[in-house]
Amino acid sequence: MNFSNHVITAFEDCKSLIQDLTFNVFSVAMRKAHLETNELSMKAMKMIDYEGDYSNLALLLSDQCPFTIKLAIFTGKHDDLFVDRHEFSSSLIQQFEEAENFLDLLNKNKSVIKGFNRTDYREYKVEDLREALTNSIVHRDYTVKSSNIINVYNDRMVFMSQGGFIDGMDMDSMMIGISRPRNEHLADVFYKLGIVKSVGFGVKSICNSYNDCPKKPIFEIA
């Protein structure tokens, strides 16, 4: 009896079912990073396969990306006091930029006064929100056709994306900074564009920033 190796091709490496793609947002981001957008660079980034067709990675970075981020705002601590909602679409790069800017608007300024001294701070650390947002985009499972979800309550922000741990990863590994990106090429593109500073330290960085806080970030895998 003969057995052949069963190799599962990552979603980002598969040929896109949509080939009529444009890359206006991607090209602007590349110029800002002092990189050229051409066939050679797109092949190097795995956006174009060996047959000259666009991959699913190209689809995710294109203006026609079918996935979105949905953000809902609630006035209380539960889902029953709904106030507003927003949906971010187009390239994952544009979704990241628009969602980050909107979260920044929701991140309130606060002050602590001790004697004659006043200390100003943001309700959430800007770096932590950025890390949570990039992680929800880069590490999600794009074989599932649904949106990333961000719920904003008066006492917390919740980021939800599809996909549990990939093989070989668990909660302990994630907490100490071990990283096995589900979308390795997407993570690499985001790194080249300066969106991601490093791979594998996002969750650890968020946890470290809450060392002296009574409330801690919660990570759940469903």
N, C-alpha and C. Protein backbone atom coordinates (compact mmCIF):
# COMPACT_ATOMS: atom_id res chain seq x y z
N MET A 1 0.85 -1.19 0.00
CA MET A 1 0.00 0.00 0.00
C MET A 1 0.89 1.24 0.00
N ASN A 2 0.61 2.17 -0.89
CA ASN A 2 1.41 3.38 -1.00
C ASN A 2 0.67 4.57 -0.41
N PHE A 3 1.38 5.40 0.31
CA PHE A 3 0.82 6.62 0.88
C PHE A 3 1.60 7.80 0.35
N SER A 4 0.90 8.85 -0.02
CA SER A 4 1.55 10.09 -0.47
C SER A 4 1.48 11.12 0.64
N ASN A 5 2.45 12.01 0.68
CA ASN A 5 2.45 13.06 1.69
C ASN A 5 1.26 13.98 1.48
N HIS A 6 0.58 14.27 2.59
CA HIS A 6 -0.59 15.16 2.53
C HIS A 6 -0.16 16.53 3.06
N VAL A 7 0.07 17.46 2.16
CA VAL A 7 0.52 18.80 2.53
C VAL A 7 -0.64 19.77 2.41
N ILE A 8 -0.93 20.46 3.50
CA ILE A 8 -2.01 21.44 3.50
C ILE A 8 -1.44 22.79 3.11
N THR A 9 -1.96 23.35 2.03
CA THR A 9 -1.49 24.65 1.57
C THR A 9 -2.19 25.75 2.36
N ALA A 10 -1.42 26.69 2.86
CA ALA A 10 -1.99 27.80 3.62
C ALA A 10 -2.90 28.62 2.72
N PHE A 11 -3.93 29.23 3.32
CA PHE A 11 -4.89 30.03 2.57
C PHE A 11 -4.19 31.12 1.76
N GLU A 12 -3.25 31.81 2.38
CA GLU A 12 -2.60 32.94 1.71
C GLU A 12 -1.78 32.51 0.49
N ASP A 13 -1.39 31.23 0.43
CA ASP A 13 -0.59 30.73 -0.69
C ASP A 13 -1.45 30.24 -1.86
N CYS A 14 -2.73 30.01 -1.63
CA CYS A 14 -3.60 29.49 -2.69
C CYS A 14 -3.91 30.57 -3.72
N LYS A 15 -4.22 30.11 -4.92
CA LYS A 15 -4.58 31.04 -5.99
C LYS A 15 -5.91 31.72 -5.68
N SER A 16 -5.96 33.03 -5.83
CA SER A 16 -7.19 33.76 -5.57
C SER A 16 -8.24 33.44 -6.63
N LEU A 17 -9.48 33.24 -6.19
CA LEU A 17 -10.58 32.99 -7.13
C LEU A 17 -10.93 34.28 -7.88
N ILE A 18 -10.52 35.42 -7.33
CA ILE A 18 -10.73 36.72 -7.98
C ILE A 18 -9.38 37.21 -8.49
N GLN A 19 -9.26 37.38 -9.80
CA GLN A 19 -8.00 37.82 -10.39
C GLN A 19 -8.04 39.27 -10.87
N ASP A 20 -9.22 39.84 -10.93
CA ASP A 20 -9.35 41.24 -11.35
C ASP A 20 -9.17 42.14 -10.13
N LEU A 21 -7.92 42.35 -9.73
CA LEU A 21 -7.59 43.05 -8.51
C LEU A 21 -6.83 44.35 -8.78
N THR A 22 -7.02 45.31 -7.90
CA THR A 22 -6.25 46.56 -7.96
C THR A 22 -5.57 46.77 -6.61
N PHE A 23 -4.51 47.57 -6.61
CA PHE A 23 -3.67 47.70 -5.41
C PHE A 23 -3.32 49.16 -5.12
N ASN A 24 -4.31 50.02 -5.16
CA ASN A 24 -4.07 51.45 -4.91
C ASN A 24 -3.59 51.69 -3.48
N VAL A 25 -4.27 51.12 -2.51
CA VAL A 25 -3.89 51.30 -1.10
C VAL A 25 -2.53 50.68 -0.84
N PHE A 26 -2.32 49.49 -1.34
CA PHE A 26 -1.04 48.79 -1.16
C PHE A 26 0.11 49.59 -1.76
N SER A 27 -0.09 50.15 -2.94
CA SER A 27 0.97 50.92 -3.60
C SER A 27 1.35 52.15 -2.80
N VAL A 28 0.36 52.83 -2.22
CA VAL A 28 0.64 54.01 -1.39
C VAL A 28 1.44 53.61 -0.16
N ALA A 29 1.06 52.50 0.46
CA ALA A 29 1.77 52.01 1.65
C ALA A 29 3.20 51.62 1.30
N MET A 30 3.40 51.04 0.13
CA MET A 30 4.74 50.66 -0.31
C MET A 30 5.61 51.89 -0.52
N ARG A 31 5.04 52.92 -1.13
CA ARG A 31 5.81 54.16 -1.35
C ARG A 31 6.21 54.79 -0.02
N LYS A 32 5.30 54.78 0.95
CA LYS A 32 5.61 55.34 2.27
C LYS A 32 6.75 54.57 2.92
N ALA A 33 6.85 53.28 2.63
CA ALA A 33 7.91 52.44 3.20
C ALA A 33 9.15 52.44 2.31
N HIS A 34 9.13 53.28 1.26
CA HIS A 34 10.25 53.40 0.32
C HIS A 34 10.52 52.09 -0.41
N LEU A 35 9.44 51.42 -0.78
CA LEU A 35 9.52 50.18 -1.53
C LEU A 35 8.78 50.34 -2.85
N GLU A 36 9.19 49.59 -3.85
CA GLU A 36 8.56 49.67 -5.17
C GLU A 36 7.48 48.60 -5.31
N THR A 37 6.41 48.97 -6.01
CA THR A 37 5.34 48.02 -6.31
C THR A 37 5.46 47.60 -7.76
N ASN A 38 5.93 46.40 -7.99
CA ASN A 38 6.04 45.86 -9.34
C ASN A 38 5.91 44.34 -9.27
N GLU A 39 5.94 43.71 -10.41
CA GLU A 39 5.74 42.26 -10.46
C GLU A 39 6.83 41.53 -9.66
N LEU A 40 8.06 42.02 -9.74
CA LEU A 40 9.16 41.36 -9.04
C LEU A 40 8.97 41.42 -7.53
N SER A 41 8.61 42.60 -7.00
CA SER A 41 8.43 42.74 -5.55
C SER A 41 7.20 41.96 -5.08
N MET A 42 6.15 41.92 -5.90
CA MET A 42 4.95 41.19 -5.51
C MET A 42 5.19 39.68 -5.53
N LYS A 43 6.05 39.22 -6.43
CA LYS A 43 6.42 37.80 -6.43
C LYS A 43 7.24 37.47 -5.19
N ALA A 44 8.15 38.37 -4.83
CA ALA A 44 8.98 38.16 -3.65
C ALA A 44 8.14 38.11 -2.38
N MET A 45 7.06 38.87 -2.35
CA MET A 45 6.17 38.90 -1.20
C MET A 45 5.13 37.78 -1.23
N LYS A 46 5.15 36.94 -2.29
CA LYS A 46 4.23 35.81 -2.46
C LYS A 46 2.82 36.26 -2.82
N MET A 47 2.70 37.46 -3.41
CA MET A 47 1.40 37.93 -3.87
C MET A 47 1.09 37.42 -5.27
N ILE A 48 2.12 37.04 -6.02
CA ILE A 48 1.98 36.47 -7.35
C ILE A 48 2.67 35.12 -7.35
N ASP A 49 1.98 34.07 -7.81
CA ASP A 49 2.55 32.73 -7.77
C ASP A 49 3.42 32.45 -8.98
N TYR A 50 3.95 31.23 -9.05
CA TYR A 50 4.88 30.88 -10.12
C TYR A 50 4.23 30.85 -11.50
N GLU A 51 2.89 30.80 -11.55
CA GLU A 51 2.17 30.83 -12.82
C GLU A 51 1.79 32.26 -13.23
N GLY A 52 2.11 33.23 -12.39
CA GLY A 52 1.81 34.62 -12.69
C GLY A 52 0.42 35.05 -12.25
N ASP A 53 -0.23 34.23 -11.42
CA ASP A 53 -1.58 34.57 -10.93
C ASP A 53 -1.49 35.15 -9.53
N TYR A 54 -2.52 35.92 -9.17
CA TYR A 54 -2.57 36.50 -7.83
C TYR A 54 -2.93 35.42 -6.81
N SER A 55 -2.26 35.46 -5.67
CA SER A 55 -2.56 34.55 -4.57
C SER A 55 -3.62 35.17 -3.67
N ASN A 56 -4.07 34.39 -2.69
CA ASN A 56 -5.02 34.94 -1.71
C ASN A 56 -4.38 36.04 -0.86
N LEU A 57 -3.06 36.01 -0.72
CA LEU A 57 -2.39 37.10 -0.03
C LEU A 57 -2.62 38.40 -0.78
N ALA A 58 -2.51 38.35 -2.11
CA ALA A 58 -2.79 39.53 -2.92
C ALA A 58 -4.23 39.98 -2.75
N LEU A 59 -5.15 39.02 -2.66
CA LEU A 59 -6.57 39.35 -2.45
C LEU A 59 -6.74 40.11 -1.14
N LEU A 60 -6.08 39.65 -0.07
CA LEU A 60 -6.21 40.31 1.23
C LEU A 60 -5.66 41.73 1.21
N LEU A 61 -4.64 41.97 0.40
CA LEU A 61 -4.00 43.28 0.34
C LEU A 61 -4.57 44.17 -0.76
N SER A 62 -5.47 43.61 -1.56
CA SER A 62 -6.04 44.36 -2.67
C SER A 62 -7.18 45.27 -2.23
N ASP A 63 -7.58 46.17 -3.11
CA ASP A 63 -8.72 47.06 -2.84
C ASP A 63 -10.02 46.28 -2.80
N GLN A 64 -10.02 45.06 -3.34
CA GLN A 64 -11.23 44.23 -3.40
C GLN A 64 -11.33 43.21 -2.27
N CYS A 65 -10.51 43.31 -1.26
CA CYS A 65 -10.53 42.34 -0.15
C CYS A 65 -11.96 42.14 0.36
N PRO A 66 -12.44 40.89 0.39
CA PRO A 66 -13.84 40.64 0.77
C PRO A 66 -14.08 40.60 2.28
N PHE A 67 -13.03 40.60 3.07
CA PHE A 67 -13.15 40.53 4.52
C PHE A 67 -13.20 41.94 5.11
N THR A 68 -13.85 42.08 6.25
CA THR A 68 -14.01 43.41 6.86
C THR A 68 -13.77 43.35 8.36
N ILE A 69 -13.68 44.52 8.97
CA ILE A 69 -13.66 44.66 10.42
C ILE A 69 -14.92 45.40 10.84
N LYS A 70 -15.67 44.83 11.76
CA LYS A 70 -16.88 45.48 12.26
C LYS A 70 -16.65 45.93 13.70
N LEU A 71 -16.94 47.20 13.96
CA LEU A 71 -16.75 47.78 15.28
C LEU A 71 -18.09 48.26 15.83
N ALA A 72 -18.41 47.84 17.04
CA ALA A 72 -19.66 48.25 17.69
C ALA A 72 -19.34 48.96 18.99
N ILE A 73 -20.13 50.00 19.29
CA ILE A 73 -19.93 50.79 20.51
C ILE A 73 -21.15 50.63 21.41
N PHE A 74 -20.90 50.34 22.68
CA PHE A 74 -21.96 50.16 23.66
C PHE A 74 -21.75 51.15 24.81
N THR A 75 -22.83 51.66 25.39
CA THR A 75 -22.70 52.64 26.47
C THR A 75 -22.45 51.98 27.81
N GLY A 76 -22.85 50.74 27.95
CA GLY A 76 -22.69 50.06 29.23
C GLY A 76 -21.64 48.97 29.17
N LYS A 77 -21.83 47.94 30.01
CA LYS A 77 -20.89 46.83 30.08
C LYS A 77 -21.40 45.60 29.35
N HIS A 78 -22.58 45.72 28.72
CA HIS A 78 -23.19 44.57 28.06
C HIS A 78 -23.63 44.94 26.65
N ASP A 79 -24.01 43.93 25.87
CA ASP A 79 -24.36 44.13 24.47
C ASP A 79 -25.73 44.75 24.26
N ASP A 80 -26.52 44.92 25.31
CA ASP A 80 -27.89 45.39 25.13
C ASP A 80 -28.00 46.91 25.00
N LEU A 81 -26.93 47.65 25.31
CA LEU A 81 -26.98 49.11 25.22
C LEU A 81 -26.15 49.58 24.03
N PHE A 82 -26.65 49.28 22.84
CA PHE A 82 -25.94 49.56 21.59
C PHE A 82 -26.08 51.03 21.20
N VAL A 83 -24.96 51.63 20.78
CA VAL A 83 -24.96 53.05 20.41
C VAL A 83 -24.68 53.27 18.93
N ASP A 84 -23.61 52.66 18.44
CA ASP A 84 -23.17 52.94 17.08
C ASP A 84 -22.36 51.77 16.54
N ARG A 85 -22.22 51.73 15.23
CA ARG A 85 -21.39 50.70 14.61
C ARG A 85 -20.70 51.25 13.38
N HIS A 86 -19.55 50.68 13.07
CA HIS A 86 -18.78 51.06 11.89
C HIS A 86 -18.22 49.79 11.25
N GLU A 87 -18.06 49.82 9.93
CA GLU A 87 -17.47 48.69 9.22
C GLU A 87 -16.34 49.21 8.33
N PHE A 88 -15.17 48.57 8.45
CA PHE A 88 -14.01 48.97 7.68
C PHE A 88 -13.74 47.93 6.60
N SER A 89 -13.56 48.39 5.36
CA SER A 89 -13.40 47.48 4.24
C SER A 89 -12.21 47.88 3.39
N SER A 90 -12.10 47.30 2.20
CA SER A 90 -10.99 47.48 1.27
C SER A 90 -9.77 46.68 1.75
N SER A 91 -8.58 47.05 1.31
CA SER A 91 -7.36 46.35 1.67
C SER A 91 -7.20 46.23 3.18
N LEU A 92 -6.61 45.13 3.65
CA LEU A 92 -6.37 44.98 5.08
C LEU A 92 -5.51 46.12 5.61
N ILE A 93 -4.70 46.70 4.75
CA ILE A 93 -3.88 47.84 5.17
C ILE A 93 -4.77 49.03 5.50
N GLN A 94 -5.74 49.31 4.63
CA GLN A 94 -6.66 50.42 4.89
C GLN A 94 -7.54 50.13 6.09
N GLN A 95 -7.99 48.88 6.23
CA GLN A 95 -8.80 48.52 7.39
C GLN A 95 -8.04 48.76 8.68
N PHE A 96 -6.76 48.37 8.69
CA PHE A 96 -5.94 48.60 9.88
C PHE A 96 -5.84 50.10 10.19
N GLU A 97 -5.52 50.90 9.18
CA GLU A 97 -5.32 52.34 9.40
C GLU A 97 -6.60 53.01 9.88
N GLU A 98 -7.74 52.69 9.25
CA GLU A 98 -8.99 53.34 9.63
C GLU A 98 -9.46 52.88 11.01
N ALA A 99 -9.31 51.59 11.29
CA ALA A 99 -9.72 51.08 12.61
C ALA A 99 -8.82 51.65 13.70
N GLU A 100 -7.53 51.75 13.44
CA GLU A 100 -6.60 52.32 14.43
C GLU A 100 -6.96 53.77 14.72
N ASN A 101 -7.22 54.54 13.68
CA ASN A 101 -7.58 55.95 13.87
C ASN A 101 -8.88 56.10 14.65
N PHE A 102 -9.85 55.22 14.38
CA PHE A 102 -11.13 55.31 15.07
C PHE A 102 -10.98 54.92 16.54
N LEU A 103 -10.19 53.89 16.81
CA LEU A 103 -9.95 53.48 18.19
C LEU A 103 -9.23 54.58 18.95
N ASP A 104 -8.38 55.32 18.26
CA ASP A 104 -7.67 56.42 18.91
C ASP A 104 -8.65 57.51 19.35
N LEU A 105 -9.68 57.72 18.53
CA LEU A 105 -10.70 58.71 18.90
C LEU A 105 -11.49 58.25 20.13
N LEU A 106 -11.67 56.95 20.26
CA LEU A 106 -12.44 56.40 21.38
C LEU A 106 -11.60 56.27 22.65
N ASN A 107 -10.29 56.37 22.49
CA ASN A 107 -9.37 56.21 23.62
C ASN A 107 -9.27 57.53 24.38
N LYS A 108 -10.06 57.65 25.45
CA LYS A 108 -10.23 58.92 26.14
C LYS A 108 -8.97 59.37 26.90
N ASN A 109 -8.83 60.69 27.00
CA ASN A 109 -7.78 61.27 27.83
C ASN A 109 -8.28 61.39 29.26
N LYS A 110 -7.43 61.05 30.22
CA LYS A 110 -7.79 61.16 31.63
C LYS A 110 -6.65 61.83 32.39
N SER A 111 -6.97 62.32 33.58
CA SER A 111 -5.97 63.02 34.38
C SER A 111 -6.04 62.56 35.84
N VAL A 112 -4.87 62.56 36.47
CA VAL A 112 -4.78 62.28 37.91
C VAL A 112 -4.08 63.47 38.55
N ILE A 113 -4.71 64.06 39.57
CA ILE A 113 -4.15 65.22 40.24
C ILE A 113 -3.71 64.83 41.64
N LYS A 114 -2.43 65.05 41.91
CA LYS A 114 -1.87 64.80 43.24
C LYS A 114 -1.19 66.08 43.71
N GLY A 115 -1.80 66.73 44.68
CA GLY A 115 -1.27 68.01 45.14
C GLY A 115 -1.37 69.05 44.05
N PHE A 116 -0.22 69.62 43.68
CA PHE A 116 -0.21 70.62 42.61
C PHE A 116 0.19 70.02 41.26
N ASN A 117 0.34 68.71 41.22
CA ASN A 117 0.78 68.06 39.99
C ASN A 117 -0.36 67.31 39.30
N ARG A 118 -0.42 67.46 38.00
CA ARG A 118 -1.43 66.74 37.22
C ARG A 118 -0.73 65.85 36.20
N THR A 119 -1.15 64.59 36.17
CA THR A 119 -0.60 63.63 35.21
C THR A 119 -1.69 63.24 34.22
N ASP A 120 -1.43 63.47 32.93
CA ASP A 120 -2.38 63.10 31.88
C ASP A 120 -2.00 61.75 31.29
N TYR A 121 -3.01 60.95 30.96
CA TYR A 121 -2.76 59.65 30.35
C TYR A 121 -3.96 59.24 29.51
N ARG A 122 -3.75 58.26 28.65
CA ARG A 122 -4.85 57.72 27.84
C ARG A 122 -5.47 56.54 28.57
N GLU A 123 -6.75 56.34 28.34
CA GLU A 123 -7.46 55.24 29.00
C GLU A 123 -6.82 53.89 28.67
N TYR A 124 -6.40 53.74 27.42
CA TYR A 124 -5.68 52.54 27.00
C TYR A 124 -4.35 52.96 26.38
N LYS A 125 -3.33 52.19 26.59
CA LYS A 125 -2.05 52.49 25.97
C LYS A 125 -2.17 52.31 24.46
N VAL A 126 -1.72 53.32 23.73
CA VAL A 126 -1.85 53.31 22.27
C VAL A 126 -1.16 52.08 21.67
N GLU A 127 -0.01 51.73 22.22
CA GLU A 127 0.75 50.58 21.70
C GLU A 127 -0.02 49.28 21.88
N ASP A 128 -0.76 49.17 23.00
CA ASP A 128 -1.52 47.94 23.27
C ASP A 128 -2.68 47.79 22.29
N LEU A 129 -3.37 48.88 22.02
CA LEU A 129 -4.48 48.82 21.06
C LEU A 129 -3.96 48.44 19.68
N ARG A 130 -2.82 49.02 19.31
CA ARG A 130 -2.23 48.71 18.01
C ARG A 130 -1.85 47.23 17.92
N GLU A 131 -1.25 46.70 18.98
CA GLU A 131 -0.86 45.29 19.00
C GLU A 131 -2.08 44.38 18.91
N ALA A 132 -3.12 44.71 19.68
CA ALA A 132 -4.34 43.88 19.65
C ALA A 132 -4.97 43.89 18.26
N LEU A 133 -4.98 45.05 17.62
CA LEU A 133 -5.57 45.19 16.29
C LEU A 133 -4.77 44.42 15.26
N THR A 134 -3.45 44.59 15.25
CA THR A 134 -2.63 43.90 14.26
C THR A 134 -2.69 42.39 14.45
N ASN A 135 -2.70 41.93 15.70
CA ASN A 135 -2.80 40.49 15.96
C ASN A 135 -4.10 39.92 15.43
N SER A 136 -5.19 40.66 15.61
CA SER A 136 -6.49 40.16 15.16
C SER A 136 -6.56 40.07 13.63
N ILE A 137 -5.76 40.90 12.94
CA ILE A 137 -5.75 40.89 11.48
C ILE A 137 -4.78 39.84 10.93
N VAL A 138 -3.56 39.83 11.46
CA VAL A 138 -2.50 38.99 10.91
C VAL A 138 -2.71 37.51 11.22
N HIS A 139 -3.25 37.20 12.40
CA HIS A 139 -3.31 35.80 12.83
C HIS A 139 -4.68 35.16 12.65
N ARG A 140 -5.63 35.83 12.02
CA ARG A 140 -6.96 35.24 11.89
C ARG A 140 -7.01 34.20 10.79
N ASP A 141 -8.02 33.36 10.83
CA ASP A 141 -8.23 32.31 9.86
C ASP A 141 -9.13 32.84 8.74
N TYR A 142 -8.55 33.09 7.58
CA TYR A 142 -9.30 33.67 6.48
C TYR A 142 -10.03 32.64 5.63
N THR A 143 -9.97 31.36 6.02
CA THR A 143 -10.81 30.37 5.35
C THR A 143 -12.25 30.48 5.83
N VAL A 144 -12.44 31.16 6.97
CA VAL A 144 -13.77 31.39 7.52
C VAL A 144 -14.26 32.75 7.04
N LYS A 145 -15.37 32.77 6.33
CA LYS A 145 -15.87 34.01 5.73
C LYS A 145 -16.72 34.79 6.74
N SER A 146 -16.05 35.48 7.62
CA SER A 146 -16.73 36.34 8.57
C SER A 146 -15.84 37.54 8.86
N SER A 147 -16.37 38.49 9.59
CA SER A 147 -15.63 39.71 9.88
C SER A 147 -14.90 39.62 11.22
N ASN A 148 -13.81 40.37 11.33
CA ASN A 148 -13.22 40.60 12.64
C ASN A 148 -14.17 41.51 13.42
N ILE A 149 -14.25 41.30 14.73
CA ILE A 149 -15.18 42.06 15.56
C ILE A 149 -14.41 42.83 16.63
N ILE A 150 -14.75 44.11 16.80
CA ILE A 150 -14.24 44.91 17.91
C ILE A 150 -15.45 45.49 18.63
N ASN A 151 -15.62 45.11 19.89
CA ASN A 151 -16.70 45.66 20.71
C ASN A 151 -16.11 46.60 21.75
N VAL A 152 -16.64 47.82 21.81
CA VAL A 152 -16.15 48.82 22.73
C VAL A 152 -17.21 49.09 23.79
N TYR A 153 -16.88 48.78 25.06
CA TYR A 153 -17.78 49.01 26.19
C TYR A 153 -17.22 50.16 27.03
N ASN A 154 -17.94 50.55 28.06
CA ASN A 154 -17.45 51.67 28.87
C ASN A 154 -16.34 51.26 29.84
N ASP A 155 -16.06 49.94 29.92
CA ASP A 155 -15.00 49.49 30.83
C ASP A 155 -13.96 48.60 30.16
N ARG A 156 -14.11 48.34 28.84
CA ARG A 156 -13.17 47.46 28.18
C ARG A 156 -13.36 47.51 26.66
N MET A 157 -12.35 47.01 25.94
CA MET A 157 -12.46 46.78 24.51
C MET A 157 -12.21 45.29 24.26
N VAL A 158 -13.00 44.71 23.36
CA VAL A 158 -12.89 43.28 23.06
C VAL A 158 -12.59 43.10 21.58
N PHE A 159 -11.51 42.38 21.28
CA PHE A 159 -11.12 42.07 19.90
C PHE A 159 -11.37 40.59 19.65
N MET A 160 -12.12 40.29 18.58
CA MET A 160 -12.44 38.90 18.26
C MET A 160 -12.12 38.61 16.80
N SER A 161 -11.41 37.51 16.57
CA SER A 161 -11.12 37.09 15.20
C SER A 161 -11.18 35.58 15.12
N GLN A 162 -11.40 35.07 13.93
CA GLN A 162 -11.57 33.64 13.72
C GLN A 162 -10.22 32.92 13.78
N GLY A 163 -10.25 31.71 14.30
CA GLY A 163 -9.06 30.87 14.29
C GLY A 163 -8.47 30.67 15.67
N GLY A 164 -8.34 29.42 16.10
CA GLY A 164 -7.68 29.12 17.37
C GLY A 164 -6.19 28.96 17.14
N PHE A 165 -5.54 28.21 18.02
CA PHE A 165 -4.11 27.96 17.87
C PHE A 165 -3.85 27.01 16.71
N ILE A 166 -2.76 27.26 15.99
CA ILE A 166 -2.34 26.31 14.97
C ILE A 166 -1.54 25.21 15.66
N ASP A 167 -1.29 24.12 14.94
CA ASP A 167 -0.59 22.97 15.53
C ASP A 167 0.76 23.40 16.11
N GLY A 168 1.03 22.92 17.31
CA GLY A 168 2.30 23.22 17.95
C GLY A 168 2.29 24.44 18.84
N MET A 169 1.16 25.14 18.90
CA MET A 169 1.05 26.34 19.72
C MET A 169 0.02 26.14 20.82
N ASP A 170 0.25 26.79 21.95
CA ASP A 170 -0.73 26.79 23.04
C ASP A 170 -0.61 28.11 23.78
N MET A 171 -1.43 28.29 24.82
CA MET A 171 -1.46 29.56 25.54
C MET A 171 -0.12 29.88 26.18
N ASP A 172 0.54 28.88 26.78
CA ASP A 172 1.82 29.13 27.44
C ASP A 172 2.87 29.59 26.43
N SER A 173 2.89 28.96 25.27
CA SER A 173 3.85 29.34 24.23
C SER A 173 3.64 30.78 23.79
N MET A 174 2.37 31.15 23.62
CA MET A 174 2.05 32.50 23.19
C MET A 174 2.49 33.53 24.21
N MET A 175 2.30 33.21 25.49
CA MET A 175 2.59 34.16 26.55
C MET A 175 4.08 34.45 26.70
N ILE A 176 4.94 33.50 26.31
CA ILE A 176 6.38 33.73 26.45
C ILE A 176 6.99 34.26 25.15
N GLY A 177 6.15 34.49 24.13
CA GLY A 177 6.65 35.14 22.92
C GLY A 177 6.95 34.22 21.76
N ILE A 178 6.64 32.92 21.88
CA ILE A 178 6.82 32.02 20.75
C ILE A 178 5.75 32.30 19.71
N SER A 179 6.16 32.40 18.45
CA SER A 179 5.20 32.77 17.41
C SER A 179 5.28 31.83 16.22
N ARG A 180 4.12 31.37 15.78
CA ARG A 180 4.00 30.62 14.52
C ARG A 180 2.82 31.23 13.78
N PRO A 181 3.07 32.26 13.00
CA PRO A 181 1.97 32.97 12.32
C PRO A 181 1.18 32.06 11.40
N ARG A 182 -0.14 32.16 11.50
CA ARG A 182 -1.00 31.42 10.58
C ARG A 182 -0.81 31.94 9.16
N ASN A 183 -0.62 33.25 9.05
CA ASN A 183 -0.43 33.90 7.75
C ASN A 183 0.98 34.51 7.73
N GLU A 184 1.95 33.66 7.49
CA GLU A 184 3.35 34.05 7.60
C GLU A 184 3.71 35.17 6.62
N HIS A 185 3.23 35.08 5.39
CA HIS A 185 3.57 36.08 4.38
C HIS A 185 2.87 37.41 4.67
N LEU A 186 1.64 37.36 5.16
CA LEU A 186 0.93 38.58 5.54
C LEU A 186 1.67 39.28 6.67
N ALA A 187 2.12 38.51 7.65
CA ALA A 187 2.88 39.09 8.76
C ALA A 187 4.16 39.74 8.24
N ASP A 188 4.79 39.11 7.26
CA ASP A 188 6.04 39.64 6.70
C ASP A 188 5.78 40.94 5.95
N VAL A 189 4.68 41.01 5.19
CA VAL A 189 4.33 42.25 4.48
C VAL A 189 4.06 43.37 5.47
N PHE A 190 3.29 43.07 6.51
CA PHE A 190 2.99 44.09 7.52
C PHE A 190 4.28 44.56 8.21
N TYR A 191 5.24 43.66 8.36
CA TYR A 191 6.52 44.04 8.95
C TYR A 191 7.29 44.96 8.00
N LYS A 192 7.33 44.61 6.73
CA LYS A 192 8.03 45.43 5.74
C LYS A 192 7.41 46.83 5.62
N LEU A 193 6.10 46.91 5.81
CA LEU A 193 5.41 48.20 5.70
C LEU A 193 5.48 49.01 7.00
N GLY A 194 6.08 48.43 8.03
CA GLY A 194 6.22 49.14 9.30
C GLY A 194 4.99 49.10 10.18
N ILE A 195 4.00 48.28 9.81
CA ILE A 195 2.79 48.16 10.63
C ILE A 195 3.07 47.31 11.86
N VAL A 196 3.83 46.24 11.65
CA VAL A 196 4.24 45.35 12.74
C VAL A 196 5.72 45.59 13.02
N LYS A 197 6.06 45.83 14.28
CA LYS A 197 7.45 46.08 14.65
C LYS A 197 8.23 44.78 14.75
N SER A 198 7.63 43.76 15.31
CA SER A 198 8.27 42.46 15.46
C SER A 198 7.20 41.40 15.54
N VAL A 199 7.56 40.18 15.23
CA VAL A 199 6.60 39.08 15.25
C VAL A 199 6.83 38.22 16.48
N GLY A 200 5.77 37.99 17.25
CA GLY A 200 5.87 37.07 18.38
C GLY A 200 5.85 37.73 19.74
N PHE A 201 6.00 39.05 19.81
CA PHE A 201 6.09 39.70 21.11
C PHE A 201 4.88 40.59 21.41
N GLY A 202 3.87 40.59 20.55
CA GLY A 202 2.72 41.45 20.75
C GLY A 202 1.96 41.15 22.02
N VAL A 203 1.58 39.89 22.21
CA VAL A 203 0.81 39.50 23.39
C VAL A 203 1.64 39.69 24.65
N LYS A 204 2.90 39.28 24.60
CA LYS A 204 3.78 39.44 25.76
C LYS A 204 3.94 40.92 26.12
N SER A 205 4.04 41.77 25.10
CA SER A 205 4.18 43.21 25.33
C SER A 205 2.94 43.78 26.01
N ILE A 206 1.75 43.35 25.55
CA ILE A 206 0.50 43.81 26.16
C ILE A 206 0.45 43.40 27.63
N CYS A 207 0.78 42.14 27.90
CA CYS A 207 0.75 41.65 29.28
C CYS A 207 1.72 42.42 30.17
N ASN A 208 2.91 42.68 29.67
CA ASN A 208 3.93 43.39 30.45
C ASN A 208 3.48 44.81 30.81
N SER A 209 2.73 45.44 29.93
CA SER A 209 2.31 46.81 30.18
C SER A 209 1.25 46.89 31.28
N TYR A 210 0.66 45.74 31.64
CA TYR A 210 -0.36 45.70 32.69
C TYR A 210 0.18 45.12 33.99
N ASN A 211 1.49 44.99 34.12
CA ASN A 211 2.08 44.38 35.32
C ASN A 211 1.66 45.08 36.61
N ASP A 212 1.56 46.41 36.55
CA ASP A 212 1.24 47.18 37.75
C ASP A 212 -0.23 47.59 37.84
N CYS A 213 -1.06 46.97 37.02
CA CYS A 213 -2.49 47.33 37.00
C CYS A 213 -3.32 46.26 37.70
N PRO A 214 -4.37 46.67 38.42
CA PRO A 214 -5.23 45.67 39.09
C PRO A 214 -6.00 44.81 38.09
N LYS A 215 -6.37 45.40 36.95
CA LYS A 215 -7.06 44.64 35.90
C LYS A 215 -6.05 44.18 34.87
N LYS A 216 -6.20 42.94 34.43
CA LYS A 216 -5.28 42.36 33.46
C LYS A 216 -6.01 42.04 32.16
N PRO A 217 -5.28 42.04 31.03
CA PRO A 217 -5.91 41.63 29.77
C PRO A 217 -6.27 40.15 29.81
N ILE A 218 -7.35 39.79 29.16
CA ILE A 218 -7.81 38.40 29.14
C ILE A 218 -7.72 37.87 27.71
N PHE A 219 -7.14 36.68 27.56
CA PHE A 219 -7.03 36.04 26.25
C PHE A 219 -7.82 34.74 26.31
N GLU A 220 -8.73 34.57 25.37
CA GLU A 220 -9.56 33.37 25.37
C GLU A 220 -9.52 32.72 23.99
N ILE A 221 -9.43 31.41 23.95
CA ILE A 221 -9.46 30.65 22.72
C ILE A 221 -10.70 29.77 22.74
N ALA A 222 -11.62 30.02 21.81
CA ALA A 222 -12.88 29.25 21.78
C ALA A 222 -12.78 28.12 20.77
